[in-house]
Amino acid sequence: MLIKRPDDTCPSEITPPEIYARRRELMKAAAAGSIVAAAGGLSSRGASAQGGGLAKLDGVRKSAYSTVEQPNTYRQITTYNNFYEFGTDKDDPARYADRLKVKPWTVVVEGEVRKPRTFGIEELVKLPLEERIYRLRCVEAWSMVIPWVGFEFRELAKLVEPTGNAKFVEFVTAYQPETMPGVRLPVLDWPYVEGLRIDEAMHPLTILAVGLYGEVLPNQCGAPIRLVVPWKYGFKSGKSIVRIRFTDKQPKTAWEKAAPHEYGFYSNVNPDVAHPRWSQKKEKRLPSLFATRDTVIFNGYGDQVASLYAGMDLKKNF
């Protein structure tokens, strides 16, 4: 039997077939909306390795949780993205996401909390900010090292005081049909929804990122605020969040709805759980073209998070 390595897979196999087949429709929709990246917009063309010339964030501390690995350049991080609201090709977000409306921006926090609130992004960037250099591993077998700037999710939770009924946290992302060509097609059940168990969300590694390389987030990376859960596959880290809901029930996430046989709720990086269409045992660290690195359980964060899953069957709960 011929087993394809991650390097051998083509884009139509990385994206679920029913979605990839419609990518030409998506491109036509983008053209119909005259969505053209503004010259010098939020693409990293011409940007330095250390930033893109966006607004600087104040009071950012270095974090002890950072990896010692060399970060990818700003250009690499901002020109190779998964953000289906702007297209299914990796360069689509950098081309089209400049239209995303990020001002004004609010995040509603509700559900099983004692003090539900609506936060302006200006309030959130005043929470204790740290630069955290985290590995990012995507299900398509590519990885990067990214210097996020953000605050621990539990800092936000303190302000709203979850009740004892809060077992899960649901994250709802922006839905802007006028700026997002991808949401004009039913490739996913929009808006994009992700979820974590409450103890996963409250783990000190889980952050809400508001910046990259010391600057505010570029649109294609999930501006102005996104989730980052470094031991899970990248699609778990929802971008451009507008609503956070504490709940007693496990949320149904976007990819679970689209392809439940391929994407489970937990989505922990696990080389022993193969995607139905390719292996997860190897990865390529961009900009390398070859998957020569061994995939490490929990993306290398096992010492910190393995206890969250003690006694669980990680092949069943994938």
C-alpha atoms as a PDB file:
ATOM      1  CA  MET A   1       0.000   0.000   0.000  1.00  0.00           C
ATOM      2  CA  LEU A   2       1.334   3.444  -0.932  1.00  0.00           C
ATOM      3  CA  ILE A   3       1.322   5.790   2.029  1.00  0.00           C
ATOM      4  CA  LYS A   4       1.664   9.455   1.196  1.00  0.00           C
ATOM      5  CA  ARG A   5       4.002  11.556   3.278  1.00  0.00           C
ATOM      6  CA  PRO A   6       2.877  15.063   4.238  1.00  0.00           C
ATOM      7  CA  ASP A   7       5.251  16.475   1.597  1.00  0.00           C
ATOM      8  CA  ASP A   8       3.420  14.536  -1.098  1.00  0.00           C
ATOM      9  CA  THR A   9      -0.042  15.852  -0.334  1.00  0.00           C
ATOM     10  CA  CYS A  10      -1.453  18.445  -2.644  1.00  0.00           C
ATOM     11  CA  PRO A  11      -3.676  21.369  -1.559  1.00  0.00           C
ATOM     12  CA  SER A  12      -6.833  19.524  -2.537  1.00  0.00           C
ATOM     13  CA  GLU A  13      -5.968  16.852   0.013  1.00  0.00           C
ATOM     14  CA  ILE A  14      -5.057  19.285   2.772  1.00  0.00           C
ATOM     15  CA  THR A  15      -8.366  21.109   2.530  1.00  0.00           C
ATOM     16  CA  PRO A  16     -11.467  18.886   2.738  1.00  0.00           C
ATOM     17  CA  PRO A  17     -12.384  17.988  -0.875  1.00  0.00           C
ATOM     18  CA  GLU A  18     -15.822  19.552  -0.776  1.00  0.00           C
ATOM     19  CA  ILE A  19     -14.263  22.853   0.250  1.00  0.00           C
ATOM     20  CA  TYR A  20     -11.283  22.784  -2.094  1.00  0.00           C
ATOM     21  CA  ALA A  21     -13.559  22.121  -5.057  1.00  0.00           C
ATOM     22  CA  ARG A  22     -15.241  25.458  -4.431  1.00  0.00           C
ATOM     23  CA  ARG A  23     -12.083  27.577  -4.190  1.00  0.00           C
ATOM     24  CA  ARG A  24     -12.623  28.977  -7.702  1.00  0.00           C
ATOM     25  CA  GLU A  25     -16.066  30.167  -6.614  1.00  0.00           C
ATOM     26  CA  LEU A  26     -14.407  31.876  -3.670  1.00  0.00           C
ATOM     27  CA  MET A  27     -11.953  33.653  -5.943  1.00  0.00           C
ATOM     28  CA  LYS A  28     -14.831  34.848  -8.128  1.00  0.00           C
ATOM     29  CA  ALA A  29     -16.645  36.119  -5.052  1.00  0.00           C
ATOM     30  CA  ALA A  30     -13.553  38.038  -4.026  1.00  0.00           C
ATOM     31  CA  ALA A  31     -13.278  39.572  -7.479  1.00  0.00           C
ATOM     32  CA  ALA A  32     -16.961  40.497  -7.489  1.00  0.00           C
ATOM     33  CA  GLY A  33     -16.464  42.340  -4.214  1.00  0.00           C
ATOM     34  CA  SER A  34     -13.440  44.203  -5.606  1.00  0.00           C
ATOM     35  CA  ILE A  35     -11.378  43.036  -2.669  1.00  0.00           C
ATOM     36  CA  VAL A  36      -7.867  44.087  -3.570  1.00  0.00           C
ATOM     37  CA  ALA A  37      -5.148  44.474  -0.972  1.00  0.00           C
ATOM     38  CA  ALA A  38      -4.270  48.127  -0.609  1.00  0.00           C
ATOM     39  CA  ALA A  39      -0.746  49.084  -1.551  1.00  0.00           C
ATOM     40  CA  GLY A  40       1.410  48.758   1.513  1.00  0.00           C
ATOM     41  CA  GLY A  41      -1.607  47.605   3.565  1.00  0.00           C
ATOM     42  CA  LEU A  42      -1.328  44.837   6.139  1.00  0.00           C
ATOM     43  CA  SER A  43       0.587  42.445   3.924  1.00  0.00           C
ATOM     44  CA  SER A  44       4.158  41.966   5.106  1.00  0.00           C
ATOM     45  CA  ARG A  45       5.602  42.880   1.723  1.00  0.00           C
ATOM     46  CA  GLY A  46       8.587  45.048   2.494  1.00  0.00           C
ATOM     47  CA  ALA A  47       8.272  44.475   6.248  1.00  0.00           C
ATOM     48  CA  SER A  48      11.349  43.748   8.308  1.00  0.00           C
ATOM     49  CA  ALA A  49      11.970  40.478  10.116  1.00  0.00           C
ATOM     50  CA  GLN A  50      11.135  42.219  13.394  1.00  0.00           C
ATOM     51  CA  GLY A  51       7.837  43.885  12.570  1.00  0.00           C
ATOM     52  CA  GLY A  52       5.529  45.317   9.978  1.00  0.00           C
ATOM     53  CA  GLY A  53       5.415  48.972  10.927  1.00  0.00           C
ATOM     54  CA  LEU A  54       2.116  48.721  12.818  1.00  0.00           C
ATOM     55  CA  ALA A  55       1.374  50.378  16.162  1.00  0.00           C
ATOM     56  CA  LYS A  56       3.629  49.309  19.025  1.00  0.00           C
ATOM     57  CA  LEU A  57       2.203  47.800  22.197  1.00  0.00           C
ATOM     58  CA  ASP A  58       3.265  49.281  25.529  1.00  0.00           C
ATOM     59  CA  GLY A  59       4.429  47.541  28.682  1.00  0.00           C
ATOM     60  CA  VAL A  60       5.198  44.160  27.124  1.00  0.00           C
ATOM     61  CA  ARG A  61       7.220  41.839  29.353  1.00  0.00           C
ATOM     62  CA  LYS A  62       9.241  38.807  28.333  1.00  0.00           C
ATOM     63  CA  SER A  63       7.723  35.498  29.399  1.00  0.00           C
ATOM     64  CA  ALA A  64       9.327  32.513  31.062  1.00  0.00           C
ATOM     65  CA  TYR A  65       6.958  30.304  29.058  1.00  0.00           C
ATOM     66  CA  SER A  66       8.682  31.132  25.765  1.00  0.00           C
ATOM     67  CA  THR A  67      10.588  28.551  23.766  1.00  0.00           C
ATOM     68  CA  VAL A  68      14.269  29.190  23.094  1.00  0.00           C
ATOM     69  CA  GLU A  69      13.797  28.308  19.431  1.00  0.00           C
ATOM     70  CA  GLN A  70      14.445  30.944  16.779  1.00  0.00           C
ATOM     71  CA  PRO A  71      11.200  32.673  15.728  1.00  0.00           C
ATOM     72  CA  ASN A  72      10.109  32.789  12.131  1.00  0.00           C
ATOM     73  CA  THR A  73      10.383  36.157  10.423  1.00  0.00           C
ATOM     74  CA  TYR A  74       7.502  38.598  10.365  1.00  0.00           C
ATOM     75  CA  ARG A  75       7.176  38.089   6.624  1.00  0.00           C
ATOM     76  CA  GLN A  76       6.922  34.306   6.937  1.00  0.00           C
ATOM     77  CA  ILE A  77       4.335  34.580   9.704  1.00  0.00           C
ATOM     78  CA  THR A  78       2.153  37.085   7.869  1.00  0.00           C
ATOM     79  CA  THR A  79       2.144  35.647   4.349  1.00  0.00           C
ATOM     80  CA  TYR A  80       1.337  31.982   5.053  1.00  0.00           C
ATOM     81  CA  ASN A  81      -1.928  31.775   6.967  1.00  0.00           C
ATOM     82  CA  ASN A  82      -5.078  29.764   7.497  1.00  0.00           C
ATOM     83  CA  PHE A  83      -7.991  32.205   7.698  1.00  0.00           C
ATOM     84  CA  TYR A  84     -10.824  30.752   5.620  1.00  0.00           C
ATOM     85  CA  GLU A  85     -12.942  33.858   5.994  1.00  0.00           C
ATOM     86  CA  PHE A  86     -10.558  35.385   3.450  1.00  0.00           C
ATOM     87  CA  GLY A  87      -9.861  32.351   1.277  1.00  0.00           C
ATOM     88  CA  THR A  88      -8.582  28.795   1.390  1.00  0.00           C
ATOM     89  CA  ASP A  89      -5.160  29.455  -0.117  1.00  0.00           C
ATOM     90  CA  LYS A  90      -2.363  30.302   2.297  1.00  0.00           C
ATOM     91  CA  ASP A  91      -1.675  33.686   0.690  1.00  0.00           C
ATOM     92  CA  ASP A  92      -5.316  34.780   0.519  1.00  0.00           C
ATOM     93  CA  PRO A  93      -5.452  36.344   4.008  1.00  0.00           C
ATOM     94  CA  ALA A  94      -2.439  38.583   3.335  1.00  0.00           C
ATOM     95  CA  ARG A  95      -4.032  39.655   0.040  1.00  0.00           C
ATOM     96  CA  TYR A  96      -7.574  40.310   1.241  1.00  0.00           C
ATOM     97  CA  ALA A  97      -7.656  40.831   5.027  1.00  0.00           C
ATOM     98  CA  ASP A  98      -6.829  44.533   4.868  1.00  0.00           C
ATOM     99  CA  ARG A  99     -10.592  45.081   4.474  1.00  0.00           C
ATOM    100  CA  LEU A 100     -11.324  43.614   7.914  1.00  0.00           C
ATOM    101  CA  LYS A 101     -12.923  46.294  10.115  1.00  0.00           C
ATOM    102  CA  VAL A 102     -11.082  46.237  13.427  1.00  0.00           C
ATOM    103  CA  LYS A 103     -12.254  49.597  14.859  1.00  0.00           C
ATOM    104  CA  PRO A 104     -14.363  49.839  16.883  1.00  0.00           C
ATOM    105  CA  TRP A 105     -14.002  46.330  18.352  1.00  0.00           C
ATOM    106  CA  THR A 106     -15.706  44.800  21.353  1.00  0.00           C
ATOM    107  CA  VAL A 107     -15.662  41.359  22.928  1.00  0.00           C
ATOM    108  CA  VAL A 108     -18.794  40.189  24.724  1.00  0.00           C
ATOM    109  CA  VAL A 109     -18.127  37.824  27.655  1.00  0.00           C
ATOM    110  CA  GLU A 110     -21.252  36.059  28.883  1.00  0.00           C
ATOM    111  CA  GLY A 111     -22.849  32.810  30.003  1.00  0.00           C
ATOM    112  CA  GLU A 112     -22.009  31.121  33.278  1.00  0.00           C
ATOM    113  CA  VAL A 113     -20.317  34.142  34.828  1.00  0.00           C
ATOM    114  CA  ARG A 114     -21.241  36.384  37.730  1.00  0.00           C
ATOM    115  CA  LYS A 115     -20.175  39.599  36.012  1.00  0.00           C
ATOM    116  CA  PRO A 116     -20.900  39.481  32.280  1.00  0.00           C
ATOM    117  CA  ARG A 117     -19.220  42.336  30.447  1.00  0.00           C
ATOM    118  CA  THR A 118     -18.521  43.825  27.074  1.00  0.00           C
ATOM    119  CA  PHE A 119     -14.882  44.827  26.713  1.00  0.00           C
ATOM    120  CA  GLY A 120     -13.476  47.306  24.236  1.00  0.00           C
ATOM    121  CA  ILE A 121     -10.186  46.234  22.711  1.00  0.00           C
ATOM    122  CA  GLU A 122      -8.645  49.309  24.352  1.00  0.00           C
ATOM    123  CA  GLU A 123      -9.426  47.809  27.773  1.00  0.00           C
ATOM    124  CA  LEU A 124      -8.058  44.397  26.905  1.00  0.00           C
ATOM    125  CA  VAL A 125      -4.654  45.598  25.748  1.00  0.00           C
ATOM    126  CA  LYS A 126      -4.189  47.111  29.219  1.00  0.00           C
ATOM    127  CA  LEU A 127      -4.173  43.659  30.837  1.00  0.00           C
ATOM    128  CA  PRO A 128      -0.705  42.272  31.736  1.00  0.00           C
ATOM    129  CA  LEU A 129       0.950  41.734  28.346  1.00  0.00           C
ATOM    130  CA  GLU A 130       3.800  39.312  27.729  1.00  0.00           C
ATOM    131  CA  GLU A 131       5.749  38.292  24.655  1.00  0.00           C
ATOM    132  CA  ARG A 132       5.398  34.541  24.377  1.00  0.00           C
ATOM    133  CA  ILE A 133       7.417  32.759  21.736  1.00  0.00           C
ATOM    134  CA  TYR A 134       5.272  29.725  21.030  1.00  0.00           C
ATOM    135  CA  ARG A 135       5.497  26.907  18.535  1.00  0.00           C
ATOM    136  CA  LEU A 136       2.507  26.653  16.203  1.00  0.00           C
ATOM    137  CA  ARG A 137       1.744  23.288  14.605  1.00  0.00           C
ATOM    138  CA  CYS A 138      -0.943  22.974  11.936  1.00  0.00           C
ATOM    139  CA  VAL A 139      -2.749  19.814  10.950  1.00  0.00           C
ATOM    140  CA  GLU A 140      -1.336  20.060   7.420  1.00  0.00           C
ATOM    141  CA  ALA A 141       2.126  19.196   8.850  1.00  0.00           C
ATOM    142  CA  TRP A 142       3.673  22.671   8.816  1.00  0.00           C
ATOM    143  CA  SER A 143       4.880  24.591  11.825  1.00  0.00           C
ATOM    144  CA  MET A 144       6.307  27.969  12.817  1.00  0.00           C
ATOM    145  CA  VAL A 145       7.707  29.667  15.907  1.00  0.00           C
ATOM    146  CA  ILE A 146       5.808  32.894  16.583  1.00  0.00           C
ATOM    147  CA  PRO A 147       6.493  35.733  19.075  1.00  0.00           C
ATOM    148  CA  TRP A 148       2.924  36.463  20.158  1.00  0.00           C
ATOM    149  CA  VAL A 149       2.077  39.298  22.517  1.00  0.00           C
ATOM    150  CA  GLY A 150      -0.898  38.617  24.744  1.00  0.00           C
ATOM    151  CA  PHE A 151      -2.328  38.015  28.190  1.00  0.00           C
ATOM    152  CA  GLU A 152      -3.354  34.838  29.947  1.00  0.00           C
ATOM    153  CA  PHE A 153      -6.985  33.937  29.373  1.00  0.00           C
ATOM    154  CA  ARG A 154      -7.445  33.449  33.094  1.00  0.00           C
ATOM    155  CA  GLU A 155      -6.761  37.182  33.585  1.00  0.00           C
ATOM    156  CA  LEU A 156      -9.923  37.886  31.624  1.00  0.00           C
ATOM    157  CA  ALA A 157     -11.802  35.164  33.505  1.00  0.00           C
ATOM    158  CA  LYS A 158     -10.975  36.844  36.820  1.00  0.00           C
ATOM    159  CA  LEU A 159     -12.836  39.943  35.703  1.00  0.00           C
ATOM    160  CA  VAL A 160     -16.081  38.091  34.914  1.00  0.00           C
ATOM    161  CA  GLU A 161     -15.927  35.420  37.654  1.00  0.00           C
ATOM    162  CA  PRO A 162     -17.065  32.105  36.120  1.00  0.00           C
ATOM    163  CA  THR A 163     -19.638  30.194  38.150  1.00  0.00           C
ATOM    164  CA  GLY A 164     -19.305  26.578  39.229  1.00  0.00           C
ATOM    165  CA  ASN A 165     -21.464  25.613  36.254  1.00  0.00           C
ATOM    166  CA  ALA A 166     -18.827  26.756  33.755  1.00  0.00           C
ATOM    167  CA  LYS A 167     -17.357  23.568  32.288  1.00  0.00           C
ATOM    168  CA  PHE A 168     -16.406  24.830  28.817  1.00  0.00           C
ATOM    169  CA  VAL A 169     -15.576  28.059  27.031  1.00  0.00           C
ATOM    170  CA  GLU A 170     -16.916  28.863  23.558  1.00  0.00           C
ATOM    171  CA  PHE A 171     -15.158  31.366  21.296  1.00  0.00           C
ATOM    172  CA  VAL A 172     -17.114  33.032  18.491  1.00  0.00           C
ATOM    173  CA  THR A 173     -15.256  34.918  15.782  1.00  0.00           C
ATOM    174  CA  ALA A 174     -16.173  37.861  13.588  1.00  0.00           C
ATOM    175  CA  TYR A 175     -18.719  37.556  10.793  1.00  0.00           C
ATOM    176  CA  GLN A 176     -18.332  40.406   8.304  1.00  0.00           C
ATOM    177  CA  PRO A 177     -19.848  39.414   4.951  1.00  0.00           C
ATOM    178  CA  GLU A 178     -19.010  42.832   3.529  1.00  0.00           C
ATOM    179  CA  THR A 179     -15.261  42.327   4.154  1.00  0.00           C
ATOM    180  CA  MET A 180     -14.831  38.536   4.218  1.00  0.00           C
ATOM    181  CA  PRO A 181     -15.250  36.849   0.822  1.00  0.00           C
ATOM    182  CA  GLY A 182     -15.021  33.396   2.392  1.00  0.00           C
ATOM    183  CA  VAL A 183     -18.206  33.689   4.405  1.00  0.00           C
ATOM    184  CA  ARG A 184     -20.235  34.204   1.229  1.00  0.00           C
ATOM    185  CA  LEU A 185     -19.869  30.485   0.579  1.00  0.00           C
ATOM    186  CA  PRO A 186     -21.012  27.722   2.957  1.00  0.00           C
ATOM    187  CA  VAL A 187     -17.587  26.123   3.246  1.00  0.00           C
ATOM    188  CA  LEU A 188     -18.044  26.203   7.036  1.00  0.00           C
ATOM    189  CA  ASP A 189     -20.921  27.026   9.335  1.00  0.00           C
ATOM    190  CA  TRP A 190     -20.196  30.725   9.879  1.00  0.00           C
ATOM    191  CA  PRO A 191     -19.319  32.385  12.147  1.00  0.00           C
ATOM    192  CA  TYR A 192     -16.300  30.286  13.083  1.00  0.00           C
ATOM    193  CA  VAL A 193     -16.666  28.741  16.536  1.00  0.00           C
ATOM    194  CA  GLU A 194     -14.070  27.063  18.715  1.00  0.00           C
ATOM    195  CA  GLY A 195     -14.115  25.710  22.242  1.00  0.00           C
ATOM    196  CA  LEU A 196     -12.011  24.559  25.164  1.00  0.00           C
ATOM    197  CA  ARG A 197     -12.666  22.735  28.369  1.00  0.00           C
ATOM    198  CA  ILE A 198     -12.558  25.183  31.270  1.00  0.00           C
ATOM    199  CA  ASP A 199      -9.319  23.770  32.695  1.00  0.00           C
ATOM    200  CA  GLU A 200      -7.673  24.033  29.259  1.00  0.00           C
ATOM    201  CA  ALA A 201      -8.774  27.642  28.939  1.00  0.00           C
ATOM    202  CA  MET A 202      -7.539  28.498  32.435  1.00  0.00           C
ATOM    203  CA  HIS A 203      -4.131  26.889  31.914  1.00  0.00           C
ATOM    204  CA  PRO A 204      -1.359  29.523  32.053  1.00  0.00           C
ATOM    205  CA  LEU A 205      -0.181  28.593  28.536  1.00  0.00           C
ATOM    206  CA  THR A 206      -3.527  29.650  27.027  1.00  0.00           C
ATOM    207  CA  ILE A 207      -3.426  33.275  25.963  1.00  0.00           C
ATOM    208  CA  LEU A 208      -5.472  35.825  24.113  1.00  0.00           C
ATOM    209  CA  ALA A 209      -3.007  37.397  21.694  1.00  0.00           C
ATOM    210  CA  VAL A 210      -3.276  41.056  20.733  1.00  0.00           C
ATOM    211  CA  GLY A 211       0.098  41.448  19.072  1.00  0.00           C
ATOM    212  CA  LEU A 212       2.980  40.027  17.085  1.00  0.00           C
ATOM    213  CA  TYR A 213       6.630  41.063  17.271  1.00  0.00           C
ATOM    214  CA  GLY A 214       5.708  43.785  19.771  1.00  0.00           C
ATOM    215  CA  GLU A 215       3.125  45.385  17.486  1.00  0.00           C
ATOM    216  CA  VAL A 216      -0.652  45.073  17.198  1.00  0.00           C
ATOM    217  CA  LEU A 217      -1.790  42.012  15.271  1.00  0.00           C
ATOM    218  CA  PRO A 218      -1.911  42.306  11.501  1.00  0.00           C
ATOM    219  CA  ASN A 219      -5.357  41.504  10.148  1.00  0.00           C
ATOM    220  CA  GLN A 220      -4.347  38.249   8.465  1.00  0.00           C
ATOM    221  CA  CYS A 221      -3.160  36.887  11.810  1.00  0.00           C
ATOM    222  CA  GLY A 222      -6.476  37.445  13.596  1.00  0.00           C
ATOM    223  CA  ALA A 223      -6.619  41.119  14.535  1.00  0.00           C
ATOM    224  CA  PRO A 224      -7.352  42.585  16.900  1.00  0.00           C
ATOM    225  CA  ILE A 225      -7.566  39.629  19.319  1.00  0.00           C
ATOM    226  CA  ARG A 226      -7.254  35.884  18.891  1.00  0.00           C
ATOM    227  CA  LEU A 227      -6.885  32.734  20.919  1.00  0.00           C
ATOM    228  CA  VAL A 228      -3.536  30.900  21.122  1.00  0.00           C
ATOM    229  CA  VAL A 229      -3.396  27.366  22.570  1.00  0.00           C
ATOM    230  CA  PRO A 230       0.126  26.164  21.796  1.00  0.00           C
ATOM    231  CA  TRP A 231      -0.283  22.449  22.478  1.00  0.00           C
ATOM    232  CA  LYS A 232      -3.187  22.096  20.036  1.00  0.00           C
ATOM    233  CA  TYR A 233      -3.347  22.253  16.249  1.00  0.00           C
ATOM    234  CA  GLY A 234      -3.504  25.804  14.941  1.00  0.00           C
ATOM    235  CA  PHE A 235      -7.164  25.744  13.879  1.00  0.00           C
ATOM    236  CA  LYS A 236      -8.156  25.575  17.556  1.00  0.00           C
ATOM    237  CA  SER A 237      -6.892  29.136  18.018  1.00  0.00           C
ATOM    238  CA  GLY A 238      -9.820  31.178  16.706  1.00  0.00           C
ATOM    239  CA  LYS A 239      -9.061  34.549  15.120  1.00  0.00           C
ATOM    240  CA  SER A 240     -10.782  37.936  15.415  1.00  0.00           C
ATOM    241  CA  ILE A 241     -12.855  36.985  18.474  1.00  0.00           C
ATOM    242  CA  VAL A 242     -16.057  38.907  19.216  1.00  0.00           C
ATOM    243  CA  ARG A 243     -17.788  36.721  21.805  1.00  0.00           C
ATOM    244  CA  ILE A 244     -16.658  34.434  24.646  1.00  0.00           C
ATOM    245  CA  ARG A 245     -19.268  32.291  26.318  1.00  0.00           C
ATOM    246  CA  PHE A 246     -18.773  30.209  29.481  1.00  0.00           C
ATOM    247  CA  THR A 247     -21.110  27.231  29.320  1.00  0.00           C
ATOM    248  CA  ASP A 248     -22.005  23.963  30.999  1.00  0.00           C
ATOM    249  CA  LYS A 249     -22.140  22.135  27.662  1.00  0.00           C
ATOM    250  CA  GLN A 250     -19.383  21.227  25.234  1.00  0.00           C
ATOM    251  CA  PRO A 251     -19.524  23.605  22.255  1.00  0.00           C
ATOM    252  CA  LYS A 252     -19.880  22.232  18.748  1.00  0.00           C
ATOM    253  CA  THR A 253     -16.904  23.640  16.903  1.00  0.00           C
ATOM    254  CA  ALA A 254     -16.742  24.702  13.261  1.00  0.00           C
ATOM    255  CA  TRP A 255     -14.506  21.895  12.055  1.00  0.00           C
ATOM    256  CA  GLU A 256     -16.380  19.292  14.083  1.00  0.00           C
ATOM    257  CA  LYS A 257     -19.517  20.302  12.221  1.00  0.00           C
ATOM    258  CA  ALA A 258     -17.786  20.299   8.826  1.00  0.00           C
ATOM    259  CA  ALA A 259     -15.848  17.028   9.131  1.00  0.00           C
ATOM    260  CA  PRO A 260     -16.368  15.223  12.460  1.00  0.00           C
ATOM    261  CA  HIS A 261     -14.482  12.130  11.260  1.00  0.00           C
ATOM    262  CA  GLU A 262     -11.375  14.281  10.714  1.00  0.00           C
ATOM    263  CA  TYR A 263     -11.476  16.962  13.415  1.00  0.00           C
ATOM    264  CA  GLY A 264     -12.359  16.226  17.025  1.00  0.00           C
ATOM    265  CA  PHE A 265     -13.073  18.596  19.870  1.00  0.00           C
ATOM    266  CA  TYR A 266      -9.691  18.277  21.589  1.00  0.00           C
ATOM    267  CA  SER A 267      -7.373  18.520  18.588  1.00  0.00           C
ATOM    268  CA  ASN A 268      -4.227  18.035  20.660  1.00  0.00           C
ATOM    269  CA  VAL A 269      -1.033  17.649  18.650  1.00  0.00           C
ATOM    270  CA  ASN A 270      -0.508  13.891  18.667  1.00  0.00           C
ATOM    271  CA  PRO A 271       1.761  12.047  16.208  1.00  0.00           C
ATOM    272  CA  ASP A 272      -0.014   8.788  17.063  1.00  0.00           C
ATOM    273  CA  VAL A 273      -3.373  10.020  15.763  1.00  0.00           C
ATOM    274  CA  ALA A 274      -3.271  10.104  11.974  1.00  0.00           C
ATOM    275  CA  HIS A 275      -5.510  12.396  10.020  1.00  0.00           C
ATOM    276  CA  PRO A 276      -7.698  10.176   7.795  1.00  0.00           C
ATOM    277  CA  ARG A 277      -5.846  11.462   4.720  1.00  0.00           C
ATOM    278  CA  TRP A 278      -2.249  11.769   5.938  1.00  0.00           C
ATOM    279  CA  SER A 279       0.138  10.969   8.753  1.00  0.00           C
ATOM    280  CA  GLN A 280       0.876  13.385  11.588  1.00  0.00           C
ATOM    281  CA  LYS A 281       4.241  11.858  12.527  1.00  0.00           C
ATOM    282  CA  LYS A 282       6.403  14.420  10.704  1.00  0.00           C
ATOM    283  CA  GLU A 283       6.287  18.165  10.231  1.00  0.00           C
ATOM    284  CA  LYS A 284       8.060  20.827   8.215  1.00  0.00           C
ATOM    285  CA  ARG A 285       9.250  23.953   9.975  1.00  0.00           C
ATOM    286  CA  LEU A 286       8.659  26.773   7.541  1.00  0.00           C
ATOM    287  CA  PRO A 287      10.334  27.994   5.383  1.00  0.00           C
ATOM    288  CA  SER A 288      11.623  24.452   4.866  1.00  0.00           C
ATOM    289  CA  LEU A 289       9.901  22.549   2.053  1.00  0.00           C
ATOM    290  CA  PHE A 290      10.408  19.152   3.650  1.00  0.00           C
ATOM    291  CA  ALA A 291       8.746  17.403   6.588  1.00  0.00           C
ATOM    292  CA  THR A 292      11.823  16.043   8.320  1.00  0.00           C
ATOM    293  CA  ARG A 293      11.070  16.948  11.935  1.00  0.00           C
ATOM    294  CA  ASP A 294       9.419  14.430  14.245  1.00  0.00           C
ATOM    295  CA  THR A 295       6.076  15.634  15.543  1.00  0.00           C
ATOM    296  CA  VAL A 296       6.170  15.789  19.338  1.00  0.00           C
ATOM    297  CA  ILE A 297       3.174  14.960  21.518  1.00  0.00           C
ATOM    298  CA  PHE A 298       1.343  18.114  22.679  1.00  0.00           C
ATOM    299  CA  ASN A 299       3.628  20.103  20.365  1.00  0.00           C
ATOM    300  CA  GLY A 300       6.428  19.827  22.927  1.00  0.00           C
ATOM    301  CA  TYR A 301       4.362  21.189  25.826  1.00  0.00           C
ATOM    302  CA  GLY A 302       3.661  17.783  27.366  1.00  0.00           C
ATOM    303  CA  ASP A 303       5.411  18.516  30.658  1.00  0.00           C
ATOM    304  CA  GLN A 304       2.983  21.362  31.259  1.00  0.00           C
ATOM    305  CA  VAL A 305      -0.303  19.977  29.925  1.00  0.00           C
ATOM    306  CA  ALA A 306      -0.276  16.165  29.869  1.00  0.00           C
ATOM    307  CA  SER A 307      -1.889  16.055  33.315  1.00  0.00           C
ATOM    308  CA  LEU A 308      -5.020  17.667  31.844  1.00  0.00           C
ATOM    309  CA  TYR A 309      -5.709  14.428  29.991  1.00  0.00           C
ATOM    310  CA  ALA A 310      -4.756  11.843  32.604  1.00  0.00           C
ATOM    311  CA  GLY A 311      -6.770   8.683  32.117  1.00  0.00           C
ATOM    312  CA  MET A 312      -8.227   9.769  28.763  1.00  0.00           C
ATOM    313  CA  ASP A 313      -7.986   7.753  25.562  1.00  0.00           C
ATOM    314  CA  LEU A 314      -6.302  10.315  23.325  1.00  0.00           C
ATOM    315  CA  LYS A 315      -7.023   8.309  20.183  1.00  0.00           C
ATOM    316  CA  LYS A 316     -10.730   8.275  20.942  1.00  0.00           C
ATOM    317  CA  ASN A 317     -10.750  11.858  22.216  1.00  0.00           C
ATOM    318  CA  PHE A 318      -8.740  13.276  19.321  1.00  0.00           C
END
